[in-house]
Amino acid sequence: MRTRLQFKNREEWLEARTQGIGASEVATIVGLNPYETPYQLWRRKMGMDAPKQETFAMKAGHYMEEAVARFFADESGVKVIDSTAPDFMFIDKNKPFLRVSPDRLYWLPNMPKNDDNKGILECKTTQKQIDPDDLPKTWFCQVQMNLGVAHYEHGALAWLTAGREFGYVNIDFAPDFFEWLSGEVEKFWVDNILGKQEPDIVNVDDVLKKFARPTDGKAIEADSEIIAHILKLRDARKAIAQLEEQAKLSEDAIKLFLADAETLTQAGETLATWKSTTSARLDTKALKADMPDIYAKYAKESISRRFLLK
């Protein structure tokens, strides 16, 4: 069973999202989102990090949902339900932390128009070429979570690439996949959110979030696996240095040949250019010496960790 909520405004919808797990977050929980880890999602959910700020691309994607929905209606011939354009949410009654907000609903073709005969539409805008036979895993997970929580059997994923190319695929509900997906989400919610159990850190970004500053004076003994990585890193850096040296020699030879010319050509085709550019940079050392009060007022401390291979 599920309930459907309609919201007065987007702020109300955003607040409701904080009370559970949305369809766009499930791929992160199961490790299928290349842009975010479970640990990073957990930190945001626990209030340790600020909520994601809406970027221009995110805002554009929201605004472009209507265009993608219209393209889908034109190409598929189905009727998109216009009243589902405003933000709404399905919540699982038995597991109220499962809460999804499909972009649109549409009427299944050649079927009576009732609640059982609706499909879910997810609208995407992207700069990437999309292979219909190899969809982004985050998108597929999102559609399946939407279908499972909303109790619909059919859905579609539609996308607009670079504003020039449209595509869509129909996606049927996969009960076994949804059962696994929702089970992983439930474990995350119960163990990590309610139980405050910290997920494993899996990449360097996680390390920097957890340990922005190292423990002063702490040393750790390397094991055989890390020793192997040290040797590989030394070899790789040596090879890179040799390539960079060769690149520098070749670049200098080309610049010497160009002399006062700014363009190098062959049979009318431009091979390289060496043009003048002018830029202004703030001399922070001089500013600090001449106007220390102003420098102190606008100086901003940043924390970073510098890695050195000995």
Protein backbone atom coordinates (compact mmCIF):
# COMPACT_ATOMS: atom_id res chain seq x y z
CA MET A 1 0.00 0.00 0.00
CA ARG A 2 1.09 3.56 -0.60
CA THR A 3 -0.14 7.08 -0.10
CA ARG A 4 0.21 10.05 -2.41
CA LEU A 5 1.06 13.53 -1.17
CA GLN A 6 0.65 16.78 -3.07
CA PHE A 7 2.57 19.86 -1.95
CA LYS A 8 1.80 23.56 -1.83
CA ASN A 9 5.27 24.53 -3.00
CA ARG A 10 8.73 23.12 -3.76
CA GLU A 11 10.05 24.01 -0.30
CA GLU A 12 7.40 21.79 1.30
CA TRP A 13 8.35 18.96 -1.05
CA LEU A 14 12.06 19.36 -0.26
CA GLU A 15 11.30 19.15 3.45
CA ALA A 16 9.32 15.93 2.95
CA ARG A 17 12.26 14.40 1.09
CA THR A 18 14.51 14.78 4.13
CA GLN A 19 12.31 12.36 6.06
CA GLY A 20 13.24 9.34 3.99
CA ILE A 21 15.11 7.97 0.99
CA GLY A 22 14.23 9.17 -2.50
CA ALA A 23 14.46 7.23 -5.74
CA SER A 24 17.42 9.31 -6.91
CA GLU A 25 19.42 8.21 -3.84
CA VAL A 26 19.05 4.44 -4.03
CA ALA A 27 21.80 3.90 -6.60
CA THR A 28 24.21 5.59 -4.18
CA ILE A 29 23.19 3.27 -1.36
CA VAL A 30 23.91 0.14 -3.44
CA GLY A 31 27.19 1.50 -4.79
CA LEU A 32 26.04 2.15 -8.35
CA ASN A 33 26.44 5.95 -8.38
CA PRO A 34 29.89 6.97 -9.66
CA TYR A 35 29.43 10.52 -8.32
CA GLU A 36 28.59 9.82 -4.68
CA THR A 37 29.36 7.14 -2.09
CA PRO A 38 27.12 5.75 0.68
CA TYR A 39 29.34 7.50 3.22
CA GLN A 40 28.87 10.89 1.54
CA LEU A 41 25.09 10.38 1.33
CA TRP A 42 25.03 9.33 4.99
CA ARG A 43 26.87 12.49 6.04
CA ARG A 44 24.30 14.65 4.25
CA LYS A 45 21.38 12.71 5.70
CA MET A 46 22.84 13.02 9.19
CA GLY A 47 23.31 16.78 8.79
CA MET A 48 27.12 16.56 8.96
CA ASP A 49 27.41 18.14 5.51
CA ALA A 50 25.19 20.78 3.96
CA PRO A 51 22.44 19.68 1.55
CA LYS A 52 23.40 19.68 -2.11
CA GLN A 53 23.06 23.15 -3.57
CA GLU A 54 21.05 23.37 -6.75
CA THR A 55 23.43 23.92 -9.65
CA PHE A 56 22.58 25.56 -12.96
CA ALA A 57 22.51 22.10 -14.58
CA MET A 58 20.10 20.80 -11.92
CA LYS A 59 17.82 23.81 -12.33
CA ALA A 60 17.93 23.49 -16.11
CA GLY A 61 17.05 19.80 -15.82
CA HIS A 62 14.04 20.66 -13.68
CA TYR A 63 12.88 23.34 -16.10
CA MET A 64 13.40 21.03 -19.08
CA GLU A 65 11.25 18.23 -17.68
CA GLU A 66 8.21 19.62 -19.49
CA ALA A 67 10.05 19.70 -22.82
CA VAL A 68 11.25 16.11 -22.39
CA ALA A 69 7.72 15.02 -21.42
CA ARG A 70 6.32 16.65 -24.56
CA PHE A 71 8.93 14.95 -26.74
CA PHE A 72 8.01 11.65 -25.11
CA ALA A 73 4.31 12.20 -25.78
CA ASP A 74 5.04 13.06 -29.42
CA GLU A 75 7.33 10.08 -30.02
CA SER A 76 5.41 7.43 -28.07
CA GLY A 77 1.86 8.57 -28.75
CA VAL A 78 0.87 8.21 -25.09
CA LYS A 79 -0.95 10.85 -23.07
CA VAL A 80 1.16 12.42 -20.31
CA ILE A 81 -1.00 13.49 -17.37
CA ASP A 82 -0.46 17.26 -17.14
CA SER A 83 -1.70 17.47 -13.56
CA THR A 84 1.32 15.44 -12.40
CA ALA A 85 3.79 18.18 -13.39
CA PRO A 86 3.80 19.83 -9.91
CA ASP A 87 5.89 18.11 -7.22
CA PHE A 88 4.16 15.14 -5.58
CA MET A 89 5.27 12.06 -3.66
CA PHE A 90 4.37 8.41 -3.18
CA ILE A 91 5.13 7.01 0.28
CA ASP A 92 5.15 3.32 1.15
CA LYS A 93 2.68 2.86 4.05
CA ASN A 94 4.59 -0.06 5.56
CA LYS A 95 8.01 1.53 5.07
CA PRO A 96 7.38 5.29 5.13
CA PHE A 97 11.07 6.04 4.62
CA LEU A 98 10.57 4.87 1.03
CA ARG A 99 9.31 8.01 -0.69
CA VAL A 100 9.54 8.71 -4.40
CA SER A 101 8.63 11.64 -6.64
CA PRO A 102 8.27 10.64 -10.30
CA ASP A 103 8.63 13.41 -12.85
CA ARG A 104 5.33 12.59 -14.55
CA LEU A 105 2.62 9.94 -14.83
CA TYR A 106 1.04 8.92 -18.12
CA TRP A 107 -1.94 6.86 -19.25
CA LEU A 108 -1.13 3.39 -20.53
CA PRO A 109 -2.31 3.18 -24.16
CA ASN A 110 -5.51 1.35 -25.07
CA MET A 111 -6.50 0.91 -21.44
CA PRO A 112 -9.30 2.38 -19.30
CA LYS A 113 -8.19 5.59 -17.61
CA ASN A 114 -8.00 4.57 -13.97
CA ASP A 115 -5.25 4.53 -11.36
CA ASP A 116 -4.24 0.95 -12.19
CA ASN A 117 -3.45 1.89 -15.78
CA LYS A 118 -0.85 4.58 -15.29
CA GLY A 119 2.85 4.55 -16.05
CA ILE A 120 5.76 6.46 -14.55
CA LEU A 121 7.90 8.77 -16.67
CA GLU A 122 11.38 9.93 -15.68
CA CYS A 123 12.73 12.89 -17.68
CA LYS A 124 16.46 13.50 -18.09
CA THR A 125 18.65 16.09 -19.76
CA THR A 126 22.27 15.21 -20.43
CA GLN A 127 25.34 16.06 -22.47
CA LYS A 128 26.22 12.38 -22.91
CA GLN A 129 25.25 10.02 -25.67
CA ILE A 130 22.88 7.43 -24.19
CA ASP A 131 22.81 3.80 -25.34
CA PRO A 132 19.23 2.52 -24.93
CA ASP A 133 20.64 -0.98 -24.40
CA ASP A 134 23.04 0.19 -21.68
CA LEU A 135 21.25 2.79 -19.60
CA PRO A 136 22.99 4.64 -16.75
CA LYS A 137 22.60 2.45 -13.67
CA THR A 138 21.49 5.40 -11.56
CA TRP A 139 18.59 6.07 -13.95
CA PHE A 140 17.47 2.43 -14.04
CA CYS A 141 17.52 2.16 -10.25
CA GLN A 142 15.49 5.34 -9.98
CA VAL A 143 12.77 4.07 -12.32
CA GLN A 144 12.55 0.72 -10.54
CA MET A 145 12.25 2.36 -7.12
CA ASN A 146 9.56 4.68 -8.46
CA LEU A 147 7.59 1.77 -9.89
CA GLY A 148 7.90 -0.37 -6.79
CA VAL A 149 6.86 2.27 -4.26
CA ALA A 150 4.09 3.66 -6.48
CA HIS A 151 2.81 0.14 -7.29
CA TYR A 152 2.87 0.51 -11.06
CA GLU A 153 3.96 -2.12 -13.56
CA HIS A 154 5.16 0.02 -16.44
CA GLY A 155 7.35 3.07 -16.85
CA ALA A 156 9.53 4.94 -19.30
CA LEU A 157 12.80 6.78 -19.24
CA ALA A 158 13.14 9.72 -21.65
CA TRP A 159 16.15 11.92 -22.26
CA LEU A 160 17.27 14.92 -24.26
CA THR A 161 20.95 14.97 -25.21
CA ALA A 162 22.60 18.39 -25.63
CA GLY A 163 19.23 19.83 -26.62
CA ARG A 164 19.51 18.14 -30.01
CA GLU A 165 18.76 14.44 -29.70
CA PHE A 166 15.81 12.74 -28.00
CA GLY A 167 15.43 9.14 -26.96
CA TYR A 168 13.31 7.00 -24.69
CA VAL A 169 12.90 3.39 -23.56
CA ASN A 170 9.99 1.60 -21.94
CA ILE A 171 10.90 -0.12 -18.68
CA ASP A 172 8.78 -2.79 -16.99
CA PHE A 173 8.79 -3.32 -13.25
CA ALA A 174 11.32 -5.95 -12.09
CA PRO A 175 9.96 -7.29 -8.77
CA ASP A 176 13.07 -9.27 -7.81
CA PHE A 177 15.36 -6.31 -8.43
CA PHE A 178 13.07 -3.99 -6.48
CA GLU A 179 12.94 -6.43 -3.56
CA TRP A 180 16.74 -6.43 -3.39
CA LEU A 181 16.96 -2.66 -3.90
CA SER A 182 14.37 -1.81 -1.25
CA GLY A 183 16.00 -4.28 1.15
CA GLU A 184 19.33 -2.50 0.83
CA VAL A 185 17.64 0.84 1.31
CA GLU A 186 15.88 -0.44 4.44
CA LYS A 187 19.19 -1.65 5.90
CA PHE A 188 20.74 1.74 5.20
CA TRP A 189 17.84 3.55 6.83
CA VAL A 190 17.66 1.30 9.91
CA ASP A 191 21.37 0.70 10.48
CA ASN A 192 22.99 3.87 9.18
CA ILE A 193 20.37 6.59 9.60
CA LEU A 194 18.34 5.49 12.62
CA GLY A 195 21.19 3.46 14.13
CA LYS A 196 23.78 6.13 13.26
CA GLN A 197 26.18 3.44 12.06
CA GLU A 198 28.85 4.96 9.82
CA PRO A 199 29.17 3.35 6.36
CA ASP A 200 32.58 2.19 5.19
CA ILE A 201 34.74 4.78 3.45
CA VAL A 202 35.53 3.63 -0.08
CA ASN A 203 37.53 6.37 -1.83
CA VAL A 204 39.86 9.31 -1.22
CA ASP A 205 37.00 11.82 -1.14
CA ASP A 206 35.52 9.85 1.76
CA VAL A 207 38.87 9.92 3.55
CA LEU A 208 39.15 13.70 3.15
CA LYS A 209 35.64 14.22 4.47
CA LYS A 210 36.27 12.06 7.51
CA PHE A 211 39.89 13.05 8.12
CA ALA A 212 40.31 16.59 6.80
CA ARG A 213 43.33 16.86 9.09
CA PRO A 214 45.67 13.95 9.86
CA THR A 215 46.47 13.02 13.45
CA ASP A 216 49.65 14.87 14.39
CA GLY A 217 52.63 12.57 14.60
CA LYS A 218 50.69 9.41 13.76
CA ALA A 219 52.60 6.83 11.68
CA ILE A 220 51.33 3.57 10.23
CA GLU A 221 53.31 0.55 9.06
CA ALA A 222 52.91 -0.39 5.38
CA ASP A 223 51.78 -3.91 4.48
CA SER A 224 52.80 -5.90 1.41
CA GLU A 225 49.89 -4.63 -0.71
CA ILE A 226 50.74 -0.99 -0.02
CA ILE A 227 54.45 -1.65 -0.69
CA ALA A 228 53.44 -2.99 -4.11
CA HIS A 229 51.45 0.20 -4.76
CA ILE A 230 54.42 2.34 -3.68
CA LEU A 231 56.66 0.58 -6.22
CA LYS A 232 54.04 0.94 -8.98
CA LEU A 233 53.58 4.62 -8.19
CA ARG A 234 57.32 5.27 -8.32
CA ASP A 235 57.58 3.52 -11.69
CA ALA A 236 54.55 5.39 -13.05
CA ARG A 237 55.87 8.78 -11.94
CA LYS A 238 59.26 8.03 -13.47
CA ALA A 239 57.61 7.14 -16.78
CA ILE A 240 55.47 10.29 -16.64
CA ALA A 241 58.54 12.43 -15.95
CA GLN A 242 60.31 10.96 -18.98
CA LEU A 243 57.28 11.62 -21.18
CA GLU A 244 56.94 15.17 -19.85
CA GLU A 245 60.63 15.78 -20.60
CA GLN A 246 60.19 14.53 -24.15
CA ALA A 247 57.04 16.63 -24.54
CA LYS A 248 58.91 19.72 -23.33
CA LEU A 249 61.73 19.13 -25.85
CA SER A 250 59.25 18.75 -28.71
CA GLU A 251 57.24 21.79 -27.61
CA ASP A 252 60.39 23.92 -27.42
CA ALA A 253 61.46 22.79 -30.90
CA ILE A 254 58.06 23.82 -32.31
CA LYS A 255 58.19 27.22 -30.57
CA LEU A 256 61.74 27.76 -31.91
CA PHE A 257 60.49 27.01 -35.40
CA LEU A 258 57.51 29.37 -35.02
CA ALA A 259 59.71 32.30 -33.91
CA ASP A 260 57.52 35.39 -34.48
CA ALA A 261 54.72 33.48 -36.23
CA GLU A 262 51.59 32.76 -34.21
CA THR A 263 50.17 29.91 -36.32
CA LEU A 264 51.74 26.70 -37.66
CA THR A 265 50.02 25.14 -40.68
CA GLN A 266 50.30 22.26 -43.12
CA ALA A 267 48.40 22.26 -46.40
CA GLY A 268 46.02 24.91 -45.03
CA GLU A 269 45.32 23.01 -41.79
CA THR A 270 46.25 24.59 -38.48
CA LEU A 271 48.61 22.37 -36.48
CA ALA A 272 49.42 24.68 -33.56
CA THR A 273 49.22 28.27 -32.40
CA TRP A 274 51.44 30.38 -30.12
CA LYS A 275 49.56 33.59 -29.41
CA SER A 276 49.94 36.33 -26.85
CA THR A 277 47.55 36.44 -23.91
CA THR A 278 47.19 39.09 -21.24
CA SER A 279 45.88 38.42 -17.75
CA ALA A 280 45.89 40.21 -14.41
CA ARG A 281 46.63 38.36 -11.18
CA LEU A 282 46.40 39.57 -7.62
CA ASP A 283 49.80 39.91 -5.98
CA THR A 284 48.83 38.56 -2.56
CA LYS A 285 52.33 38.94 -1.13
CA ALA A 286 52.40 42.65 -1.96
CA LEU A 287 48.85 43.11 -0.66
CA LYS A 288 49.76 41.44 2.63
CA ALA A 289 52.87 43.63 3.00
CA ASP A 290 51.21 46.95 2.05
CA MET A 291 47.71 46.45 3.54
CA PRO A 292 47.83 43.69 6.15
CA ASP A 293 44.45 44.64 7.68
CA ILE A 294 42.64 44.30 4.36
CA TYR A 295 44.50 41.10 3.56
CA ALA A 296 43.50 39.61 6.94
CA LYS A 297 39.87 40.63 6.42
CA TYR A 298 39.51 38.78 3.11
CA ALA A 299 41.98 35.93 3.57
CA LYS A 300 40.19 32.59 3.80
CA GLU A 301 41.79 29.57 5.40
CA SER A 302 41.55 26.31 3.48
CA ILE A 303 42.37 22.82 4.68
CA SER A 304 44.08 20.33 2.42
CA ARG A 305 46.29 17.29 2.79
CA ARG A 306 49.50 17.15 0.72
CA PHE A 307 50.73 13.73 -0.34
CA LEU A 308 54.49 13.27 -0.83
CA LEU A 309 56.17 10.09 -2.02
CA LYS A 310 59.56 9.69 -0.41
